[in-house]
Amino acid sequence: KKRVTGVRVIDAHSREMTEYFARIVFLNASALNTNL
């Protein structure tokens, strides 16, 4: 599709990874975390 379809998320409690999907993604994680 040549686009981002979602994000991978680690649950801070269980440490399990889940994927969430969307048509657009906004990065507002703070400057250095967004770079990371």
Full PDB file with SEQRES, HELIX, SHEET, SSBOND, CRYST1, ORIGX, SCALE, CONECT and MASTER records, all heavy atoms in Angstrom:
SEQRES   1 A   36  LYS LYS ARG VAL THR GLY VAL ARG VAL ILE ASP ALA HIS          
SEQRES   2 A   36  SER ARG GLU MET THR GLU TYR PHE ALA ARG ILE VAL PHE          
SEQRES   3 A   36  LEU ASN ALA SER ALA LEU ASN THR ASN LEU                      
HELIX    1 AA1 ALA A   31  ASN A   35  1                                   5    
SHEET    1 AA1 2 GLY A   6  ILE A  10  0                                        
SHEET    2 AA1 2 MET A  17  PHE A  21 -1                                        
CRYST1    1.000    1.000    1.000  90.00  90.00  90.00 P 1           1          
ORIGX1      1.000000  0.000000  0.000000        0.00000                         
ORIGX2      0.000000  1.000000  0.000000        0.00000                         
ORIGX3      0.000000  0.000000  1.000000        0.00000                         
SCALE1      1.000000  0.000000  0.000000        0.00000                         
SCALE2      0.000000  1.000000  0.000000        0.00000                         
SCALE3      0.000000  0.000000  1.000000        0.00000                         
ATOM      1  N   LYS A   1       0.817  -1.217   0.000  1.00  0.00           N  
ATOM      2  CA  LYS A   1       0.000   0.000   0.000  1.00  0.00           C  
ATOM      3  C   LYS A   1       0.850   1.266   0.000  1.00  0.00           C  
ATOM      4  O   LYS A   1       0.346   2.361  -0.260  1.00  0.00           O  
ATOM      5  CB  LYS A   1      -0.916   0.012   1.224  1.00  0.00           C  
ATOM      6  CG  LYS A   1      -1.941  -1.117   1.224  1.00  0.00           C  
ATOM      7  CD  LYS A   1      -2.820  -1.062   2.476  1.00  0.00           C  
ATOM      8  CE  LYS A   1      -3.855  -2.173   2.471  1.00  0.00           C  
ATOM      9  NZ  LYS A   1      -4.691  -2.153   3.709  1.00  0.00           N  
ATOM     10  N   LYS A   2       2.119   1.107   0.301  1.00  0.00           N  
ATOM     11  CA  LYS A   2       3.062   2.227   0.355  1.00  0.00           C  
ATOM     12  C   LYS A   2       2.604   3.310   1.332  1.00  0.00           C  
ATOM     13  O   LYS A   2       2.622   4.501   1.028  1.00  0.00           O  
ATOM     14  CB  LYS A   2       3.297   2.817  -1.047  1.00  0.00           C  
ATOM     15  CG  LYS A   2       3.909   1.827  -2.017  1.00  0.00           C  
ATOM     16  CD  LYS A   2       4.151   2.451  -3.373  1.00  0.00           C  
ATOM     17  CE  LYS A   2       4.789   1.441  -4.324  1.00  0.00           C  
ATOM     18  NZ  LYS A   2       5.023   2.002  -5.683  1.00  0.00           N  
ATOM     19  N   ARG A   3       2.240   2.869   2.512  1.00  0.00           N  
ATOM     20  CA  ARG A   3       1.773   3.780   3.546  1.00  0.00           C  
ATOM     21  C   ARG A   3       1.880   3.101   4.898  1.00  0.00           C  
ATOM     22  O   ARG A   3       1.993   1.864   4.980  1.00  0.00           O  
ATOM     23  CB  ARG A   3       0.331   4.207   3.292  1.00  0.00           C  
ATOM     24  CG  ARG A   3      -0.643   3.024   3.208  1.00  0.00           C  
ATOM     25  CD  ARG A   3      -2.045   3.438   2.777  1.00  0.00           C  
ATOM     26  NE  ARG A   3      -2.770   4.197   3.775  1.00  0.00           N  
ATOM     27  CZ  ARG A   3      -3.237   5.432   3.599  1.00  0.00           C  
ATOM     28  NH1 ARG A   3      -3.020   6.068   2.448  1.00  0.00           N  
ATOM     29  NH2 ARG A   3      -3.913   6.063   4.539  1.00  0.00           N  
ATOM     30  N   VAL A   4       1.834   3.868   5.924  1.00  0.00           N  
ATOM     31  CA  VAL A   4       1.777   3.312   7.277  1.00  0.00           C  
ATOM     32  C   VAL A   4       0.342   2.894   7.553  1.00  0.00           C  
ATOM     33  O   VAL A   4      -0.604   3.640   7.283  1.00  0.00           O  
ATOM     34  CB  VAL A   4       2.265   4.344   8.308  1.00  0.00           C  
ATOM     35  CG1 VAL A   4       1.806   3.987   9.709  1.00  0.00           C  
ATOM     36  CG2 VAL A   4       3.790   4.435   8.280  1.00  0.00           C  
ATOM     37  N   THR A   5       0.195   1.714   8.087  1.00  0.00           N  
ATOM     38  CA  THR A   5      -1.154   1.206   8.373  1.00  0.00           C  
ATOM     39  C   THR A   5      -1.474   1.157   9.864  1.00  0.00           C  
ATOM     40  O   THR A   5      -2.627   0.942  10.235  1.00  0.00           O  
ATOM     41  CB  THR A   5      -1.327  -0.205   7.785  1.00  0.00           C  
ATOM     42  OG1 THR A   5      -0.290  -1.063   8.296  1.00  0.00           O  
ATOM     43  CG2 THR A   5      -1.254  -0.161   6.263  1.00  0.00           C  
ATOM     44  N   GLY A   6      -0.459   1.328  10.705  1.00  0.00           N  
ATOM     45  CA  GLY A   6      -0.728   1.264  12.140  1.00  0.00           C  
ATOM     46  C   GLY A   6       0.541   1.349  12.952  1.00  0.00           C  
ATOM     47  O   GLY A   6       1.603   1.763  12.456  1.00  0.00           O  
ATOM     48  N   VAL A   7       0.431   0.925  14.218  1.00  0.00           N  
ATOM     49  CA  VAL A   7       1.566   0.982  15.137  1.00  0.00           C  
ATOM     50  C   VAL A   7       1.623  -0.293  15.966  1.00  0.00           C  
ATOM     51  O   VAL A   7       0.605  -0.963  16.184  1.00  0.00           O  
ATOM     52  CB  VAL A   7       1.467   2.205  16.075  1.00  0.00           C  
ATOM     53  CG1 VAL A   7       1.471   3.497  15.297  1.00  0.00           C  
ATOM     54  CG2 VAL A   7       0.233   2.130  16.968  1.00  0.00           C  
ATOM     55  N   ARG A   8       2.818  -0.616  16.432  1.00  0.00           N  
ATOM     56  CA  ARG A   8       3.022  -1.730  17.352  1.00  0.00           C  
ATOM     57  C   ARG A   8       3.157  -1.166  18.761  1.00  0.00           C  
ATOM     58  O   ARG A   8       3.957  -0.249  18.984  1.00  0.00           O  
ATOM     59  CB  ARG A   8       4.273  -2.522  16.985  1.00  0.00           C  
ATOM     60  CG  ARG A   8       4.244  -3.071  15.558  1.00  0.00           C  
ATOM     61  CD  ARG A   8       5.549  -3.787  15.216  1.00  0.00           C  
ATOM     62  NE  ARG A   8       5.581  -4.190  13.818  1.00  0.00           N  
ATOM     63  CZ  ARG A   8       6.098  -3.444  12.830  1.00  0.00           C  
ATOM     64  NH1 ARG A   8       6.629  -2.259  13.119  1.00  0.00           N  
ATOM     65  NH2 ARG A   8       6.076  -3.871  11.592  1.00  0.00           N  
ATOM     66  N   VAL A   9       2.391  -1.733  19.691  1.00  0.00           N  
ATOM     67  CA  VAL A   9       2.342  -1.204  21.045  1.00  0.00           C  
ATOM     68  C   VAL A   9       2.663  -2.296  22.060  1.00  0.00           C  
ATOM     69  O   VAL A   9       2.096  -3.397  21.997  1.00  0.00           O  
ATOM     70  CB  VAL A   9       0.949  -0.603  21.350  1.00  0.00           C  
ATOM     71  CG1 VAL A   9       0.854  -0.185  22.812  1.00  0.00           C  
ATOM     72  CG2 VAL A   9       0.667   0.579  20.438  1.00  0.00           C  
ATOM     73  N   ILE A  10       3.566  -1.974  22.988  1.00  0.00           N  
ATOM     74  CA  ILE A  10       3.882  -2.882  24.083  1.00  0.00           C  
ATOM     75  C   ILE A  10       3.073  -2.459  25.301  1.00  0.00           C  
ATOM     76  O   ILE A  10       3.144  -1.310  25.728  1.00  0.00           O  
ATOM     77  CB  ILE A  10       5.381  -2.853  24.409  1.00  0.00           C  
ATOM     78  CG1 ILE A  10       6.202  -3.264  23.183  1.00  0.00           C  
ATOM     79  CG2 ILE A  10       5.697  -3.763  25.596  1.00  0.00           C  
ATOM     80  CD1 ILE A  10       7.696  -3.020  23.339  1.00  0.00           C  
ATOM     81  N   ASP A  11       2.290  -3.389  25.841  1.00  0.00           N  
ATOM     82  CA  ASP A  11       1.532  -3.105  27.048  1.00  0.00           C  
ATOM     83  C   ASP A  11       2.503  -3.007  28.226  1.00  0.00           C  
ATOM     84  O   ASP A  11       3.278  -3.927  28.483  1.00  0.00           O  
ATOM     85  CB  ASP A  11       0.503  -4.203  27.298  1.00  0.00           C  
ATOM     86  CG  ASP A  11      -0.408  -3.898  28.467  1.00  0.00           C  
ATOM     87  OD1 ASP A  11       0.051  -4.042  29.609  1.00  0.00           O  
ATOM     88  OD2 ASP A  11      -1.564  -3.511  28.236  1.00  0.00           O  
ATOM     89  N   ALA A  12       2.471  -1.878  28.942  1.00  0.00           N  
ATOM     90  CA  ALA A  12       3.437  -1.641  30.014  1.00  0.00           C  
ATOM     91  C   ALA A  12       3.289  -2.621  31.170  1.00  0.00           C  
ATOM     92  O   ALA A  12       4.241  -2.836  31.935  1.00  0.00           O  
ATOM     93  CB  ALA A  12       3.295  -0.207  30.527  1.00  0.00           C  
ATOM     94  N   HIS A  13       2.108  -3.229  31.327  1.00  0.00           N  
ATOM     95  CA  HIS A  13       1.891  -4.187  32.416  1.00  0.00           C  
ATOM     96  C   HIS A  13       2.258  -5.609  31.998  1.00  0.00           C  
ATOM     97  O   HIS A  13       3.036  -6.288  32.666  1.00  0.00           O  
ATOM     98  CB  HIS A  13       0.437  -4.145  32.871  1.00  0.00           C  
ATOM     99  CG  HIS A  13       0.055  -2.874  33.555  1.00  0.00           C  
ATOM    100  ND1 HIS A  13       0.773  -2.336  34.596  1.00  0.00           N  
ATOM    101  CD2 HIS A  13      -0.976  -2.017  33.335  1.00  0.00           C  
ATOM    102  CE1 HIS A  13       0.203  -1.212  35.001  1.00  0.00           C  
ATOM    103  NE2 HIS A  13      -0.864  -0.995  34.259  1.00  0.00           N  
ATOM    104  N   SER A  14       1.692  -6.059  30.886  1.00  0.00           N  
ATOM    105  CA  SER A  14       1.868  -7.452  30.479  1.00  0.00           C  
ATOM    106  C   SER A  14       3.097  -7.682  29.612  1.00  0.00           C  
ATOM    107  O   SER A  14       3.534  -8.816  29.444  1.00  0.00           O  
ATOM    108  CB  SER A  14       0.635  -7.929  29.711  1.00  0.00           C  
ATOM    109  OG  SER A  14       0.552  -7.253  28.457  1.00  0.00           O  
ATOM    110  N   ARG A  15       3.645  -6.602  29.036  1.00  0.00           N  
ATOM    111  CA  ARG A  15       4.781  -6.674  28.107  1.00  0.00           C  
ATOM    112  C   ARG A  15       4.414  -7.345  26.780  1.00  0.00           C  
ATOM    113  O   ARG A  15       5.308  -7.654  25.985  1.00  0.00           O  
ATOM    114  CB  ARG A  15       5.985  -7.383  28.745  1.00  0.00           C  
ATOM    115  CG  ARG A  15       6.486  -6.776  30.052  1.00  0.00           C  
ATOM    116  CD  ARG A  15       6.930  -5.332  29.859  1.00  0.00           C  
ATOM    117  NE  ARG A  15       7.365  -4.702  31.087  1.00  0.00           N  
ATOM    118  CZ  ARG A  15       8.641  -4.557  31.443  1.00  0.00           C  
ATOM    119  NH1 ARG A  15       9.585  -5.010  30.659  1.00  0.00           N  
ATOM    120  NH2 ARG A  15       8.963  -3.961  32.580  1.00  0.00           N  
ATOM    121  N   GLU A  16       3.145  -7.577  26.539  1.00  0.00           N  
ATOM    122  CA  GLU A  16       2.723  -8.158  25.261  1.00  0.00           C  
ATOM    123  C   GLU A  16       2.571  -7.059  24.220  1.00  0.00           C  
ATOM    124  O   GLU A  16       2.232  -5.920  24.539  1.00  0.00           O  
ATOM    125  CB  GLU A  16       1.409  -8.912  25.431  1.00  0.00           C  
ATOM    126  CG  GLU A  16       1.511 -10.142  26.320  1.00  0.00           C  
ATOM    127  CD  GLU A  16       0.236 -10.941  26.333  1.00  0.00           C  
ATOM    128  OE1 GLU A  16      -0.330 -11.153  25.247  1.00  0.00           O  
ATOM    129  OE2 GLU A  16      -0.214 -11.330  27.420  1.00  0.00           O  
ATOM    130  N   MET A  17       2.808  -7.439  22.964  1.00  0.00           N  
ATOM    131  CA  MET A  17       2.720  -6.476  21.879  1.00  0.00           C  
ATOM    132  C   MET A  17       1.401  -6.641  21.122  1.00  0.00           C  
ATOM    133  O   MET A  17       0.972  -7.749  20.826  1.00  0.00           O  
ATOM    134  CB  MET A  17       3.900  -6.617  20.905  1.00  0.00           C  
ATOM    135  CG  MET A  17       3.935  -5.544  19.815  1.00  0.00           C  
ATOM    136  SD  MET A  17       5.364  -5.692  18.706  1.00  0.00           S  
ATOM    137  CE  MET A  17       6.694  -5.185  19.806  1.00  0.00           C  
ATOM    138  N   THR A  18       0.757  -5.511  20.824  1.00  0.00           N  
ATOM    139  CA  THR A  18      -0.496  -5.492  20.081  1.00  0.00           C  
ATOM    140  C   THR A  18      -0.361  -4.482  18.951  1.00  0.00           C  
ATOM    141  O   THR A  18       0.329  -3.466  19.102  1.00  0.00           O  
ATOM    142  CB  THR A  18      -1.677  -5.099  20.985  1.00  0.00           C  
ATOM    143  OG1 THR A  18      -1.726  -5.982  22.107  1.00  0.00           O  
ATOM    144  CG2 THR A  18      -2.999  -5.162  20.241  1.00  0.00           C  
ATOM    145  N   GLU A  19      -1.020  -4.750  17.850  1.00  0.00           N  
ATOM    146  CA  GLU A  19      -1.005  -3.808  16.728  1.00  0.00           C  
ATOM    147  C   GLU A  19      -2.329  -3.062  16.658  1.00  0.00           C  
ATOM    148  O   GLU A  19      -3.402  -3.656  16.820  1.00  0.00           O  
ATOM    149  CB  GLU A  19      -0.736  -4.552  15.418  1.00  0.00           C  
ATOM    150  CG  GLU A  19       0.650  -5.186  15.368  1.00  0.00           C  
ATOM    151  CD  GLU A  19       0.919  -5.908  14.052  1.00  0.00           C  
ATOM    152  OE1 GLU A  19      -0.038  -6.087  13.253  1.00  0.00           O  
ATOM    153  OE2 GLU A  19       2.083  -6.295  13.816  1.00  0.00           O  
ATOM    154  N   TYR A  20      -2.248  -1.748  16.423  1.00  0.00           N  
ATOM    155  CA  TYR A  20      -3.424  -0.907  16.225  1.00  0.00           C  
ATOM    156  C   TYR A  20      -3.308  -0.257  14.856  1.00  0.00           C  
ATOM    157  O   TYR A  20      -2.196   0.046  14.396  1.00  0.00           O  
ATOM    158  CB  TYR A  20      -3.526   0.155  17.324  1.00  0.00           C  
ATOM    159  CG  TYR A  20      -3.740  -0.452  18.687  1.00  0.00           C  
ATOM    160  CD1 TYR A  20      -2.656  -0.758  19.506  1.00  0.00           C  
ATOM    161  CD2 TYR A  20      -5.017  -0.759  19.135  1.00  0.00           C  
ATOM    162  CE1 TYR A  20      -2.834  -1.346  20.753  1.00  0.00           C  
ATOM    163  CE2 TYR A  20      -5.215  -1.349  20.380  1.00  0.00           C  
ATOM    164  CZ  TYR A  20      -4.116  -1.636  21.180  1.00  0.00           C  
ATOM    165  OH  TYR A  20      -4.307  -2.227  22.406  1.00  0.00           O  
ATOM    166  N   PHE A  21      -4.454  -0.043  14.233  1.00  0.00           N  
ATOM    167  CA  PHE A  21      -4.450   0.379  12.837  1.00  0.00           C  
ATOM    168  C   PHE A  21      -5.233   1.671  12.642  1.00  0.00           C  
ATOM    169  O   PHE A  21      -6.207   1.948  13.353  1.00  0.00           O  
ATOM    170  CB  PHE A  21      -5.038  -0.732  11.964  1.00  0.00           C  
ATOM    171  CG  PHE A  21      -4.333  -2.050  12.118  1.00  0.00           C  
ATOM    172  CD1 PHE A  21      -4.811  -3.016  12.991  1.00  0.00           C  
ATOM    173  CD2 PHE A  21      -3.159  -2.312  11.429  1.00  0.00           C  
ATOM    174  CE1 PHE A  21      -4.155  -4.229  13.161  1.00  0.00           C  
ATOM    175  CE2 PHE A  21      -2.492  -3.510  11.597  1.00  0.00           C  
ATOM    176  CZ  PHE A  21      -2.988  -4.483  12.451  1.00  0.00           C  
ATOM    177  N   ALA A  22      -4.799   2.463  11.673  1.00  0.00           N  
ATOM    178  CA  ALA A  22      -5.487   3.713  11.363  1.00  0.00           C  
ATOM    179  C   ALA A  22      -5.049   4.199   9.990  1.00  0.00           C  
ATOM    180  O   ALA A  22      -4.021   3.764   9.449  1.00  0.00           O  
ATOM    181  CB  ALA A  22      -5.189   4.775  12.414  1.00  0.00           C  
ATOM    182  N   ARG A  23      -5.822   5.129   9.467  1.00  0.00           N  
ATOM    183  CA  ARG A  23      -5.509   5.683   8.149  1.00  0.00           C  
ATOM    184  C   ARG A  23      -4.461   6.782   8.217  1.00  0.00           C  
ATOM    185  O   ARG A  23      -3.732   7.031   7.257  1.00  0.00           O  
ATOM    186  CB  ARG A  23      -6.791   6.208   7.506  1.00  0.00           C  
ATOM    187  CG  ARG A  23      -7.825   5.093   7.256  1.00  0.00           C  
ATOM    188  CD  ARG A  23      -9.222   5.657   7.081  1.00  0.00           C  
ATOM    189  NE  ARG A  23      -9.377   6.398   5.831  1.00  0.00           N  
ATOM    190  CZ  ARG A  23     -10.456   7.122   5.520  1.00  0.00           C  
ATOM    191  NH1 ARG A  23     -11.457   7.201   6.387  1.00  0.00           N  
ATOM    192  NH2 ARG A  23     -10.516   7.765   4.378  1.00  0.00           N  
ATOM    193  N   ILE A  24      -4.389   7.460   9.351  1.00  0.00           N  
ATOM    194  CA  ILE A  24      -3.348   8.465   9.550  1.00  0.00           C  
ATOM    195  C   ILE A  24      -2.765   8.318  10.951  1.00  0.00           C  
ATOM    196  O   ILE A  24      -3.443   7.860  11.877  1.00  0.00           O  
ATOM    197  CB  ILE A  24      -3.861   9.908   9.355  1.00  0.00           C  
ATOM    198  CG1 ILE A  24      -5.042  10.203  10.273  1.00  0.00           C  
ATOM    199  CG2 ILE A  24      -4.232  10.171   7.904  1.00  0.00           C  
ATOM    200  CD1 ILE A  24      -5.508  11.653  10.228  1.00  0.00           C  
ATOM    201  N   VAL A  25      -1.517   8.733  11.093  1.00  0.00           N  
ATOM    202  CA  VAL A  25      -0.833   8.670  12.384  1.00  0.00           C  
ATOM    203  C   VAL A  25      -0.182  10.023  12.659  1.00  0.00           C  
ATOM    204  O   VAL A  25       0.506  10.579  11.790  1.00  0.00           O  
ATOM    205  CB  VAL A  25       0.240   7.568  12.421  1.00  0.00           C  
ATOM    206  CG1 VAL A  25       1.010   7.604  13.742  1.00  0.00           C  
ATOM    207  CG2 VAL A  25      -0.394   6.195  12.209  1.00  0.00           C  
ATOM    208  N   PHE A  26      -0.407  10.557  13.853  1.00  0.00           N  
ATOM    209  CA  PHE A  26       0.264  11.774  14.312  1.00  0.00           C  
ATOM    210  C   PHE A  26       1.289  11.397  15.372  1.00  0.00           C  
ATOM    211  O   PHE A  26       0.951  10.735  16.360  1.00  0.00           O  
ATOM    212  CB  PHE A  26      -0.758  12.756  14.900  1.00  0.00           C  
ATOM    213  CG  PHE A  26      -1.315  13.733  13.894  1.00  0.00           C  
ATOM    214  CD1 PHE A  26      -2.142  13.294  12.872  1.00  0.00           C  
ATOM    215  CD2 PHE A  26      -1.000  15.075  13.960  1.00  0.00           C  
ATOM    216  CE1 PHE A  26      -2.653  14.184  11.934  1.00  0.00           C  
ATOM    217  CE2 PHE A  26      -1.500  15.979  13.030  1.00  0.00           C  
ATOM    218  CZ  PHE A  26      -2.335  15.536  12.012  1.00  0.00           C  
ATOM    219  N   LEU A  27       2.527  11.848  15.166  1.00  0.00           N  
ATOM    220  CA  LEU A  27       3.580  11.617  16.151  1.00  0.00           C  
ATOM    221  C   LEU A  27       3.737  12.861  17.011  1.00  0.00           C  
ATOM    222  O   LEU A  27       4.138  13.926  16.530  1.00  0.00           O  
ATOM    223  CB  LEU A  27       4.907  11.286  15.468  1.00  0.00           C  
ATOM    224  CG  LEU A  27       5.130   9.787  15.207  1.00  0.00           C  
ATOM    225  CD1 LEU A  27       4.315   9.345  14.000  1.00  0.00           C  
ATOM    226  CD2 LEU A  27       6.606   9.474  14.994  1.00  0.00           C  
ATOM    227  N   ASN A  28       3.424  12.704  18.288  1.00  0.00           N  
ATOM    228  CA  ASN A  28       3.517  13.783  19.282  1.00  0.00           C  
ATOM    229  C   ASN A  28       4.119  13.245  20.570  1.00  0.00           C  
ATOM    230  O   ASN A  28       3.669  13.566  21.674  1.00  0.00           O  
ATOM    231  CB  ASN A  28       2.132  14.375  19.549  1.00  0.00           C  
ATOM    232  CG  ASN A  28       1.466  14.875  18.284  1.00  0.00           C  
ATOM    233  OD1 ASN A  28       0.608  14.195  17.706  1.00  0.00           O  
ATOM    234  ND2 ASN A  28       1.850  16.048  17.843  1.00  0.00           N  
ATOM    235  N   ALA A  29       5.132  12.424  20.425  1.00  0.00           N  
ATOM    236  CA  ALA A  29       5.722  11.693  21.550  1.00  0.00           C  
ATOM    237  C   ALA A  29       6.785  12.490  22.290  1.00  0.00           C  
ATOM    238  O   ALA A  29       7.358  11.993  23.244  1.00  0.00           O  
ATOM    239  CB  ALA A  29       6.315  10.374  21.049  1.00  0.00           C  
ATOM    240  N   SER A  30       7.031  13.712  21.891  1.00  0.00           N  
ATOM    241  CA  SER A  30       8.109  14.634  22.281  1.00  0.00           C  
ATOM    242  C   SER A  30       9.273  14.415  21.313  1.00  0.00           C  
ATOM    243  O   SER A  30       9.447  13.330  20.746  1.00  0.00           O  
ATOM    244  CB  SER A  30       8.558  14.502  23.737  1.00  0.00           C  
ATOM    245  OG  SER A  30       9.425  13.418  23.923  1.00  0.00           O  
ATOM    246  N   ALA A  31      10.064  15.453  21.128  1.00  0.00           N  
ATOM    247  CA  ALA A  31      11.005  15.496  20.006  1.00  0.00           C  
ATOM    248  C   ALA A  31      11.898  14.265  19.886  1.00  0.00           C  
ATOM    249  O   ALA A  31      11.971  13.628  18.835  1.00  0.00           O  
ATOM    250  CB  ALA A  31      11.859  16.761  20.117  1.00  0.00           C  
ATOM    251  N   LEU A  32      12.588  13.917  20.959  1.00  0.00           N  
ATOM    252  CA  LEU A  32      13.563  12.830  20.837  1.00  0.00           C  
ATOM    253  C   LEU A  32      12.884  11.470  20.752  1.00  0.00           C  
ATOM    254  O   LEU A  32      13.370  10.573  20.053  1.00  0.00           O  
ATOM    255  CB  LEU A  32      14.555  12.871  21.996  1.00  0.00           C  
ATOM    256  CG  LEU A  32      15.399  14.145  22.097  1.00  0.00           C  
ATOM    257  CD1 LEU A  32      16.544  13.945  23.076  1.00  0.00           C  
ATOM    258  CD2 LEU A  32      15.929  14.587  20.736  1.00  0.00           C  
ATOM    259  N   ASN A  33      11.772  11.283  21.453  1.00  0.00           N  
ATOM    260  CA  ASN A  33      11.054  10.013  21.323  1.00  0.00           C  
ATOM    261  C   ASN A  33      10.448   9.844  19.931  1.00  0.00           C  
ATOM    262  O   ASN A  33      10.358   8.725  19.424  1.00  0.00           O  
ATOM    263  CB  ASN A  33       9.969   9.907  22.394  1.00  0.00           C  
ATOM    264  CG  ASN A  33      10.442   9.177  23.630  1.00  0.00           C  
ATOM    265  OD1 ASN A  33      11.228   8.249  23.548  1.00  0.00           O  
ATOM    266  ND2 ASN A  33       9.975   9.603  24.793  1.00  0.00           N  
ATOM    267  N   THR A  34      10.014  10.942  19.318  1.00  0.00           N  
ATOM    268  CA  THR A  34       9.510  10.850  17.951  1.00  0.00           C  
ATOM    269  C   THR A  34      10.626  10.443  17.002  1.00  0.00           C  
ATOM    270  O   THR A  34      10.433   9.610  16.108  1.00  0.00           O  
ATOM    271  CB  THR A  34       8.878  12.187  17.532  1.00  0.00           C  
ATOM    272  OG1 THR A  34       7.621  12.338  18.213  1.00  0.00           O  
ATOM    273  CG2 THR A  34       8.634  12.247  16.033  1.00  0.00           C  
ATOM    274  N   ASN A  35      11.817  11.017  17.191  1.00  0.00           N  
ATOM    275  CA  ASN A  35      12.969  10.580  16.394  1.00  0.00           C  
ATOM    276  C   ASN A  35      13.231   9.093  16.605  1.00  0.00           C  
ATOM    277  O   ASN A  35      13.454   8.345  15.646  1.00  0.00           O  
ATOM    278  CB  ASN A  35      14.210  11.385  16.800  1.00  0.00           C  
ATOM    279  CG  ASN A  35      14.333  12.709  16.078  1.00  0.00           C  
ATOM    280  OD1 ASN A  35      14.903  12.788  14.994  1.00  0.00           O  
ATOM    281  ND2 ASN A  35      13.796  13.761  16.687  1.00  0.00           N  
ATOM    282  N   LEU A  36      13.197   8.666  17.873  1.00  0.00           N  
ATOM    283  CA  LEU A  36      13.454   7.256  18.192  1.00  0.00           C  
ATOM    284  C   LEU A  36      12.462   6.342  17.490  1.00  0.00           C  
ATOM    285  O   LEU A  36      12.837   5.316  16.900  1.00  0.00           O  
ATOM    286  CB  LEU A  36      13.414   7.067  19.713  1.00  0.00           C  
ATOM    287  CG  LEU A  36      13.853   5.734  20.306  1.00  0.00           C  
ATOM    288  CD1 LEU A  36      14.230   5.915  21.767  1.00  0.00           C  
ATOM    289  CD2 LEU A  36      12.797   4.656  20.198  1.00  0.00           C  
TER     290      LEU A  36                                                      
MASTER        0    0    0    1    2    0    0    6  289    1    0    3          
END                                                                             
